[in-house]
């Protein structure tokens, strides 16, 4: 058996695997340009060397903005079949990746079943499992050992996980900044909270930062993409862009450089709760500090007052973030801040986030991405209702509404009926054209 090479090593030799060629189909860049961005570190191809995927994807500079859906069990709801339903619903709705954030039941079993069934890349947050197992083993999360943290990461990688969130920027210095900030919401990241508690209890540096080379070794072995997590992301709009968030980002910029030196693919995670006026600033700041690494944002949510509608709040921030250069949006569902999402919440979250991603793409590359919109606009102009349904981002919902309204082909919708603006002006524009041709 020949020596296994990482994707970056292969690309540097001019060896472009067929799976990357498939992933590049339908992108604004050709596969050679995509390969160049991966080598530069401005794009990532989230595919564990142990895995095969029918729907691979590339994330980063010059590419379509990708959408992630979070699924996974909790202590209160640990039905594996429900999570598989969520997986299939997310993929059917157009999610480019999923993350299994399971914290309840047979965590290993859930992850392995999700990976076996998923057509898209799968990510995880191994520190969750390490913390839960430490609670069971030691009676406390903060007593988990460094070996247990890295052991969980390697177990996930060995199972074939394509990318992992690792909160390496949660450092002693960043925690000091957090304590000085006087935040409203303190820490809302579970991984960030677990590691901050560990630092405070053990009075030691975060092992994921202090022993980052160990993490790089695991990543190289499995061609594992590192998603450098934002443990100090703001959980309230008032906390946005504070010293703790920026200090963590500075550390992540340093770690991006170390990843590139080691030939490891890396992307950077971002906020969180950010008011509208700071979204573009945050994207530009992250891109500059982190050397243009792909930027992966949760939302951002642009106000705190809309529980039950936070998927819409996040889509507002997501569209702005994507337009400003964010490469990857993590969905938010209607149950964000309220509870574990159900299957229909997953579908709603994916579709709304895909709309935000496409809106951002229209700003970044209108020449390429406007074609879809133009086809829809032409179908509307021609009152071709079936074509409009087929072109809709959610044909199932568009078709159901059309059926309820009882609209017939070539007729106006039930909003305007006989007073349809398109039909009315088309009539008189037609008369004008006839007069012009006659004369």
Protein backbone atom coordinates (compact mmCIF):
# COMPACT_ATOMS: atom_id res chain seq x y z
CA UNK A 1 0.00 0.00 0.00
CA UNK A 2 1.43 3.39 -1.00
CA UNK A 3 2.10 6.24 1.39
CA UNK A 4 -1.06 8.21 2.16
CA UNK A 5 -0.77 11.87 1.21
CA UNK A 6 -2.92 14.74 2.38
CA UNK A 7 -5.07 16.56 -0.12
CA UNK A 8 -2.81 19.61 0.00
CA UNK A 9 0.25 17.46 -0.75
CA UNK A 10 -1.56 15.89 -3.71
CA UNK A 11 -2.70 19.24 -5.07
CA UNK A 12 0.80 20.68 -4.84
CA UNK A 13 1.93 17.80 -7.08
CA UNK A 14 -0.85 18.61 -9.57
CA UNK A 15 -2.87 15.53 -8.61
CA UNK A 16 -6.54 16.61 -8.48
CA UNK A 17 -8.78 13.78 -7.22
CA UNK A 18 -12.02 13.03 -9.05
CA UNK A 19 -14.07 13.75 -5.93
CA UNK A 20 -12.75 17.34 -5.91
CA UNK A 21 -13.63 17.68 -9.60
CA UNK A 22 -17.20 16.68 -8.73
CA UNK A 23 -17.31 19.16 -5.86
CA UNK A 24 -16.19 21.97 -8.16
CA UNK A 25 -19.03 21.39 -10.64
CA UNK A 26 -21.47 24.31 -10.67
CA UNK A 27 -19.04 26.65 -8.90
CA UNK A 28 -17.90 30.02 -10.30
CA UNK A 29 -14.27 28.78 -10.30
CA UNK A 30 -12.92 25.91 -12.37
CA UNK A 31 -11.33 22.96 -10.58
CA UNK A 32 -7.76 24.18 -11.10
CA UNK A 33 -8.66 27.51 -9.50
CA UNK A 34 -10.42 25.69 -6.64
CA UNK A 35 -7.30 23.58 -6.10
CA UNK A 36 -5.23 26.76 -5.97
CA UNK A 37 -7.44 28.28 -3.27
CA UNK A 38 -7.18 25.10 -1.18
CA UNK A 39 -3.38 25.14 -1.42
CA UNK A 40 -3.39 28.83 -0.45
CA UNK A 41 -5.62 28.08 2.55
CA UNK A 42 -8.45 30.34 1.37
CA UNK A 43 -10.70 27.34 0.68
CA UNK A 44 -11.19 23.95 2.35
CA UNK A 45 -12.38 20.60 1.04
CA UNK A 46 -14.06 18.95 4.02
CA UNK A 47 -13.46 15.26 3.35
CA UNK A 48 -11.79 12.80 5.73
CA UNK A 49 -9.35 10.51 3.92
CA UNK A 50 -11.36 7.50 5.17
CA UNK A 51 -14.63 8.68 3.59
CA UNK A 52 -16.44 8.67 0.28
CA UNK A 53 -19.27 11.11 -0.39
CA UNK A 54 -21.90 11.47 -3.09
CA UNK A 55 -22.32 15.21 -2.38
CA UNK A 56 -18.89 16.65 -1.50
CA UNK A 57 -18.42 20.40 -1.24
CA UNK A 58 -15.69 23.03 -1.21
CA UNK A 59 -15.95 26.06 1.06
CA UNK A 60 -14.14 29.34 0.61
CA UNK A 61 -13.01 32.22 -1.56
CA UNK A 62 -14.85 32.75 -4.84
CA UNK A 63 -17.24 29.85 -4.26
CA UNK A 64 -20.95 29.53 -3.58
CA UNK A 65 -21.73 30.32 0.07
CA UNK A 66 -22.36 26.99 1.80
CA UNK A 67 -24.97 26.14 4.46
CA UNK A 68 -24.61 23.85 7.47
CA UNK A 69 -27.40 22.23 9.49
CA UNK A 70 -26.84 21.23 13.12
CA UNK A 71 -28.52 18.05 14.30
CA UNK A 72 -27.92 15.68 17.23
CA UNK A 73 -29.37 14.27 20.41
CA UNK A 74 -29.68 15.85 23.84
CA UNK A 75 -30.10 14.34 27.30
CA UNK A 76 -33.84 14.98 26.98
CA UNK A 77 -34.22 13.64 23.44
CA UNK A 78 -31.92 10.83 22.34
CA UNK A 79 -33.83 9.03 19.57
CA UNK A 80 -31.37 8.09 16.83
CA UNK A 81 -34.11 7.57 14.24
CA UNK A 82 -35.35 11.13 14.77
CA UNK A 83 -31.84 12.45 14.15
CA UNK A 84 -31.59 10.40 10.97
CA UNK A 85 -34.90 11.94 9.86
CA UNK A 86 -33.40 15.37 10.54
CA UNK A 87 -30.30 14.44 8.55
CA UNK A 88 -32.32 13.35 5.53
CA UNK A 89 -34.58 16.39 5.78
CA UNK A 90 -31.58 18.75 5.94
CA UNK A 91 -29.92 17.15 2.92
CA UNK A 92 -33.18 17.10 0.94
CA UNK A 93 -33.68 20.80 1.74
CA UNK A 94 -30.23 21.59 0.34
CA UNK A 95 -27.81 21.66 3.28
CA UNK A 96 -24.21 21.37 2.09
CA UNK A 97 -22.99 19.87 5.37
CA UNK A 98 -24.36 18.69 8.70
CA UNK A 99 -22.87 18.76 12.18
CA UNK A 100 -23.71 16.14 14.76
CA UNK A 101 -23.77 17.91 18.13
CA UNK A 102 -25.09 14.93 20.10
CA UNK A 103 -24.86 15.09 23.89
CA UNK A 104 -27.31 12.35 24.90
CA UNK A 105 -27.76 8.62 24.48
CA UNK A 106 -25.23 6.50 22.58
CA UNK A 107 -23.15 9.36 21.20
CA UNK A 108 -20.72 7.12 19.32
CA UNK A 109 -23.58 5.09 17.85
CA UNK A 110 -25.53 8.18 16.73
CA UNK A 111 -22.47 9.69 15.07
CA UNK A 112 -21.60 6.48 13.23
CA UNK A 113 -25.15 6.04 11.94
CA UNK A 114 -25.31 9.65 10.77
CA UNK A 115 -22.00 9.26 8.97
CA UNK A 116 -23.05 6.00 7.35
CA UNK A 117 -26.21 7.61 5.95
CA UNK A 118 -25.01 11.13 5.13
CA UNK A 119 -24.41 12.10 1.50
CA UNK A 120 -22.77 15.36 2.64
CA UNK A 121 -19.73 16.11 4.83
CA UNK A 122 -20.25 15.61 8.58
CA UNK A 123 -18.69 17.73 11.31
CA UNK A 124 -18.66 17.29 15.09
CA UNK A 125 -17.54 19.03 18.29
CA UNK A 126 -15.54 16.31 20.11
CA UNK A 127 -15.13 18.36 23.30
CA UNK A 128 -18.83 17.77 24.00
CA UNK A 129 -18.31 14.03 24.20
CA UNK A 130 -15.06 14.40 26.15
CA UNK A 131 -16.87 16.58 28.70
CA UNK A 132 -19.84 14.22 29.08
CA UNK A 133 -17.58 11.20 29.49
CA UNK A 134 -15.51 13.09 32.06
CA UNK A 135 -18.69 13.84 33.99
CA UNK A 136 -19.47 10.12 34.03
CA UNK A 137 -15.88 9.02 34.75
CA UNK A 138 -14.67 11.68 37.20
CA UNK A 139 -17.92 13.23 38.39
CA UNK A 140 -16.88 16.56 36.89
CA UNK A 141 -16.32 18.11 33.47
CA UNK A 142 -13.38 20.19 34.66
CA UNK A 143 -11.45 17.10 35.74
CA UNK A 144 -11.14 15.72 32.20
CA UNK A 145 -7.56 15.16 31.19
CA UNK A 146 -5.70 16.44 28.18
CA UNK A 147 -5.45 12.86 26.88
CA UNK A 148 -9.23 12.52 27.11
CA UNK A 149 -9.72 15.69 25.06
CA UNK A 150 -7.36 14.58 22.31
CA UNK A 151 -8.64 11.02 22.55
CA UNK A 152 -12.17 12.17 21.71
CA UNK A 153 -10.90 14.15 18.72
CA UNK A 154 -8.97 11.16 17.39
CA UNK A 155 -11.94 8.83 17.90
CA UNK A 156 -14.13 11.13 15.81
CA UNK A 157 -11.44 11.40 13.13
CA UNK A 158 -10.96 7.63 13.05
CA UNK A 159 -14.71 7.21 12.54
CA UNK A 160 -14.36 9.32 9.38
CA UNK A 161 -15.65 12.71 10.56
CA UNK A 162 -14.80 15.29 7.89
CA UNK A 163 -14.27 18.37 10.08
CA UNK A 164 -14.23 19.15 13.78
CA UNK A 165 -14.81 22.31 15.75
CA UNK A 166 -11.96 22.82 18.20
CA UNK A 167 -11.99 25.74 20.63
CA UNK A 168 -8.23 26.38 20.60
CA UNK A 169 -8.61 30.15 20.96
CA UNK A 170 -10.08 29.85 24.46
CA UNK A 171 -6.89 30.83 26.25
CA UNK A 172 -5.94 32.19 29.65
CA UNK A 173 -5.37 35.63 28.11
CA UNK A 174 -8.72 35.66 26.30
CA UNK A 175 -10.46 34.58 29.50
CA UNK A 176 -8.87 37.50 31.35
CA UNK A 177 -10.26 39.81 28.67
CA UNK A 178 -13.68 38.24 29.08
CA UNK A 179 -13.68 38.80 32.84
CA UNK A 180 -12.78 42.47 32.27
CA UNK A 181 -15.45 43.05 29.61
CA UNK A 182 -18.53 43.01 31.82
CA UNK A 183 -20.59 41.14 29.27
CA UNK A 184 -24.33 40.66 29.59
CA UNK A 185 -24.27 37.05 28.39
CA UNK A 186 -20.72 35.97 29.35
CA UNK A 187 -20.11 32.69 27.40
CA UNK A 188 -22.83 31.03 25.29
CA UNK A 189 -20.63 28.48 23.50
CA UNK A 190 -20.78 25.10 25.23
CA UNK A 191 -17.25 24.26 24.16
CA UNK A 192 -16.08 27.68 25.24
CA UNK A 193 -17.76 27.29 28.63
CA UNK A 194 -16.35 23.79 29.22
CA UNK A 195 -12.78 24.86 28.43
CA UNK A 196 -13.03 28.15 30.34
CA UNK A 197 -14.24 26.22 33.38
CA UNK A 198 -11.35 23.78 32.91
CA UNK A 199 -8.80 26.62 32.77
CA UNK A 200 -10.21 28.29 35.88
CA UNK A 201 -10.39 25.04 37.87
CA UNK A 202 -7.00 23.64 36.86
CA UNK A 203 -5.19 26.99 36.62
CA UNK A 204 -3.53 25.78 33.42
CA UNK A 205 -3.57 26.76 29.76
CA UNK A 206 -6.12 25.17 27.43
CA UNK A 207 -4.48 21.93 26.17
CA UNK A 208 -5.95 22.43 22.69
CA UNK A 209 -3.86 25.60 22.44
CA UNK A 210 -0.85 24.60 24.55
CA UNK A 211 -0.43 21.31 22.67
CA UNK A 212 -1.71 22.42 19.26
CA UNK A 213 0.95 20.36 17.46
CA UNK A 214 -0.74 17.21 18.80
CA UNK A 215 -3.96 18.33 17.18
CA UNK A 216 -2.15 19.03 13.92
CA UNK A 217 -0.71 15.50 13.94
CA UNK A 218 -4.24 14.03 14.18
CA UNK A 219 -5.47 16.31 11.40
CA UNK A 220 -2.63 15.29 9.07
CA UNK A 221 -3.20 11.60 9.73
CA UNK A 222 -6.87 11.73 8.71
CA UNK A 223 -6.85 14.75 6.37
CA UNK A 224 -9.20 16.27 8.93
CA UNK A 225 -10.28 19.88 8.44
CA UNK A 226 -10.03 21.98 11.61
CA UNK A 227 -12.82 24.46 12.22
CA UNK A 228 -11.28 26.85 14.73
CA UNK A 229 -14.19 27.57 17.06
CA UNK A 230 -15.26 30.85 18.60
CA UNK A 231 -15.68 29.98 22.26
CA UNK A 232 -16.07 33.66 23.15
CA UNK A 233 -18.56 34.54 20.44
CA UNK A 234 -21.03 37.17 21.69
CA UNK A 235 -24.39 35.81 22.81
CA UNK A 236 -25.98 39.26 23.04
CA UNK A 237 -25.79 42.09 20.53
CA UNK A 238 -24.49 44.38 23.29
CA UNK A 239 -21.46 42.10 23.73
CA UNK A 240 -20.40 42.18 20.07
CA UNK A 241 -16.85 42.98 18.97
CA UNK A 242 -15.49 43.26 22.51
CA UNK A 243 -11.97 42.56 23.76
CA UNK A 244 -12.59 38.87 24.50
CA UNK A 245 -13.94 38.17 21.01
CA UNK A 246 -11.09 40.05 19.34
CA UNK A 247 -8.39 38.48 21.53
CA UNK A 248 -9.66 35.01 20.63
CA UNK A 249 -9.68 35.98 16.95
CA UNK A 250 -6.04 37.08 17.18
CA UNK A 251 -5.15 33.63 18.53
CA UNK A 252 -7.09 31.95 15.73
CA UNK A 253 -5.14 33.99 13.19
CA UNK A 254 -1.92 32.66 14.69
CA UNK A 255 -3.25 29.09 14.55
CA UNK A 256 -4.33 29.44 10.91
CA UNK A 257 -0.68 30.14 10.06
CA UNK A 258 0.43 27.07 12.01
CA UNK A 259 -2.14 24.94 10.18
CA UNK A 260 -0.82 26.12 6.82
CA UNK A 261 2.77 25.38 7.83
CA UNK A 262 1.68 21.83 8.74
CA UNK A 263 -0.36 21.32 5.56
CA UNK A 264 -3.63 21.15 7.51
CA UNK A 265 -6.85 22.64 6.15
CA UNK A 266 -8.48 25.17 8.48
CA UNK A 267 -11.45 27.49 8.62
CA UNK A 268 -12.45 30.00 11.27
CA UNK A 269 -15.76 30.27 13.09
CA UNK A 270 -17.38 33.60 13.86
CA UNK A 271 -20.19 35.23 15.79
CA UNK A 272 -22.86 34.97 17.00
CA UNK A 273 -24.99 37.96 17.98
CA UNK A 274 -23.88 41.06 16.04
CA UNK A 275 -25.90 44.24 15.36
CA UNK A 276 -26.46 45.05 11.68
CA UNK A 277 -23.95 47.90 11.66
CA UNK A 278 -21.10 45.61 12.80
CA UNK A 279 -21.64 42.56 10.57
CA UNK A 280 -19.45 43.69 7.67
CA UNK A 281 -16.79 44.94 10.10
CA UNK A 282 -16.63 41.53 11.80
CA UNK A 283 -16.27 39.66 8.52
CA UNK A 284 -13.58 42.00 7.22
CA UNK A 285 -11.72 41.85 10.55
CA UNK A 286 -11.79 38.04 10.64
CA UNK A 287 -10.64 37.76 7.04
CA UNK A 288 -7.72 40.13 7.64
CA UNK A 289 -6.59 38.66 10.97
CA UNK A 290 -6.99 35.06 9.83
CA UNK A 291 -5.16 35.44 6.51
CA UNK A 292 -8.23 34.99 4.33
CA UNK A 293 -9.18 31.60 5.81
CA UNK A 294 -12.75 30.49 5.06
CA UNK A 295 -15.09 32.17 7.54
CA UNK A 296 -17.96 30.18 9.08
CA UNK A 297 -20.63 32.17 10.93
CA UNK A 298 -23.57 31.24 13.15
CA UNK A 299 -26.21 33.62 11.88
CA UNK A 300 -25.18 36.22 12.81
CA UNK A 301 -28.29 37.18 14.77
CA UNK A 302 -28.82 40.92 14.50
CA UNK A 303 -31.24 41.37 17.42
CA UNK A 304 -32.02 39.49 20.63
CA UNK A 305 -35.80 40.05 20.84
CA UNK A 306 -37.25 37.46 18.45
CA UNK A 307 -37.44 33.96 19.98
CA UNK A 308 -39.52 31.82 17.65
CA UNK A 309 -38.32 33.89 14.69
CA UNK A 310 -34.58 33.68 15.22
CA UNK A 311 -34.14 31.78 11.93
CA UNK A 312 -35.33 34.96 10.21
CA UNK A 313 -33.14 37.16 12.38
CA UNK A 314 -30.16 34.98 11.49
CA UNK A 315 -30.99 35.11 7.79
CA UNK A 316 -30.74 38.90 7.90
CA UNK A 317 -27.28 38.74 9.43
CA UNK A 318 -26.32 35.79 7.23
CA UNK A 319 -27.12 37.65 4.02
CA UNK A 320 -25.06 40.64 5.18
CA UNK A 321 -22.20 38.40 6.29
CA UNK A 322 -22.16 36.47 3.01
CA UNK A 323 -22.28 39.69 0.99
CA UNK A 324 -19.32 40.93 3.04
CA UNK A 325 -17.22 37.82 2.37
CA UNK A 326 -18.34 35.08 4.78
CA UNK A 327 -18.05 31.70 3.08
CA UNK A 328 -20.21 29.39 5.18
CA UNK A 329 -23.41 29.95 7.16
CA UNK A 330 -24.59 27.76 10.01
CA UNK A 331 -28.35 27.65 10.06
CA UNK A 332 -30.54 28.76 12.93
CA UNK A 333 -33.99 27.21 13.40
CA UNK A 334 -37.21 28.71 14.79
CA UNK A 335 -36.46 26.97 18.10
CA UNK A 336 -33.09 28.64 18.64
CA UNK A 337 -32.83 29.75 22.30
CA UNK A 338 -35.98 27.75 23.11
CA UNK A 339 -35.33 24.07 22.56
CA UNK A 340 -34.07 21.21 20.41
CA UNK A 341 -35.32 21.59 16.81
CA UNK A 342 -37.73 19.08 15.29
CA UNK A 343 -37.69 17.77 11.75
CA UNK A 344 -39.76 20.63 10.28
CA UNK A 345 -37.65 23.18 12.17
CA UNK A 346 -34.60 21.70 10.43
CA UNK A 347 -36.22 22.08 7.02
CA UNK A 348 -37.24 25.68 7.75
CA UNK A 349 -33.80 26.56 9.04
CA UNK A 350 -32.01 25.14 6.00
CA UNK A 351 -34.27 26.84 3.45
CA UNK A 352 -34.14 30.24 5.13
CA UNK A 353 -30.36 30.05 5.46
CA UNK A 354 -29.99 29.01 1.82
CA UNK A 355 -31.97 32.13 0.87
CA UNK A 356 -29.57 34.25 2.92
CA UNK A 357 -26.55 32.53 1.33
CA UNK A 358 -27.89 33.13 -2.18
CA UNK A 359 -28.66 36.77 -1.40
CA UNK A 360 -25.05 37.18 -0.31
CA UNK A 361 -23.81 35.43 -3.44
CA UNK A 362 -25.78 37.86 -5.60
CA UNK A 363 -23.76 40.65 -4.03
CA UNK A 364 -20.41 38.86 -4.39
CA UNK A 365 -20.80 37.57 -7.93
CA UNK A 366 -23.99 38.78 -9.64
CA UNK A 367 -22.81 37.79 -13.12
CA UNK A 368 -22.69 34.12 -12.11
CA UNK A 369 -25.44 33.83 -9.51
CA UNK A 370 -28.10 36.13 -11.01
CA UNK A 371 -29.01 33.59 -13.71
CA UNK A 372 -31.28 31.66 -11.33
CA UNK A 373 -33.13 34.85 -10.40
CA UNK A 374 -33.40 35.87 -14.04
CA UNK A 375 -34.98 32.56 -14.98
CA UNK A 376 -37.54 33.03 -12.19
CA UNK A 377 -38.24 36.60 -13.29
CA UNK A 378 -38.84 35.50 -16.88
CA UNK A 379 -41.21 32.78 -15.69
CA UNK A 380 -43.11 35.38 -13.64
CA UNK A 381 -43.31 37.73 -16.60
CA UNK A 382 -44.76 34.91 -18.74
CA UNK A 383 -47.15 33.82 -15.92
CA UNK A 384 -45.67 30.32 -16.10
CA UNK A 385 -46.64 29.08 -12.66
CA UNK A 386 -45.30 25.53 -12.98
CA UNK A 387 -41.91 26.93 -14.00
CA UNK A 388 -41.94 29.25 -11.01
CA UNK A 389 -42.59 26.33 -8.66
CA UNK A 390 -39.80 24.30 -10.26
CA UNK A 391 -37.35 27.21 -9.91
CA UNK A 392 -38.30 27.97 -6.29
CA UNK A 393 -35.72 27.31 -3.58
CA UNK A 394 -38.44 25.28 -1.83
CA UNK A 395 -40.63 23.85 -4.62
CA UNK A 396 -42.68 21.81 -2.16
CA UNK A 397 -43.88 24.87 -0.27
CA UNK A 398 -44.31 27.05 -3.37
CA UNK A 399 -46.36 24.31 -5.05
CA UNK A 400 -48.57 23.82 -2.00
CA UNK A 401 -49.37 27.54 -1.80
CA UNK A 402 -50.08 27.71 -5.53
CA UNK A 403 -52.42 24.74 -5.24
CA UNK A 404 -54.30 26.37 -2.36
CA UNK A 405 -54.73 29.55 -4.40
CA UNK A 406 -56.09 27.67 -7.44
CA UNK A 407 -54.14 29.73 -9.96
CA UNK A 408 -54.32 28.56 -13.58
CA UNK A 409 -51.50 28.79 -16.12
CA UNK A 410 -51.36 32.16 -17.96
CA UNK A 411 -53.71 33.80 -15.44
CA UNK A 412 -52.89 36.37 -12.80
CA UNK A 413 -52.46 35.33 -9.19
CA UNK A 414 -55.29 35.68 -6.66
CA UNK A 415 -53.66 38.80 -5.24
CA UNK A 416 -54.42 40.84 -8.39
CA UNK A 417 -56.74 38.68 -10.48
CA UNK A 418 -58.05 40.60 -13.48
CA UNK A 419 -56.05 43.64 -12.39
CA UNK A 420 -52.72 41.81 -12.87
CA UNK A 421 -50.05 44.46 -13.45
CA UNK A 422 -48.02 42.18 -15.74
CA UNK A 423 -50.97 41.39 -18.02
CA UNK A 424 -52.22 44.99 -17.98
CA UNK A 425 -48.96 46.64 -18.96
CA UNK A 426 -48.13 43.86 -21.41
CA UNK A 427 -51.36 44.70 -23.26
CA UNK A 428 -50.52 48.37 -23.66
CA UNK A 429 -46.84 47.82 -24.36
CA UNK A 430 -48.02 45.46 -27.08
CA UNK A 431 -50.29 48.16 -28.53
CA UNK A 432 -47.39 50.61 -28.52
CA UNK A 433 -45.13 48.13 -30.32
CA UNK A 434 -47.81 47.49 -32.95
CA UNK A 435 -48.18 51.24 -33.61
CA UNK A 436 -44.44 51.60 -33.88
CA UNK A 437 -44.18 48.72 -36.36
CA UNK A 438 -47.09 50.13 -38.42
CA UNK A 439 -45.36 53.48 -38.76
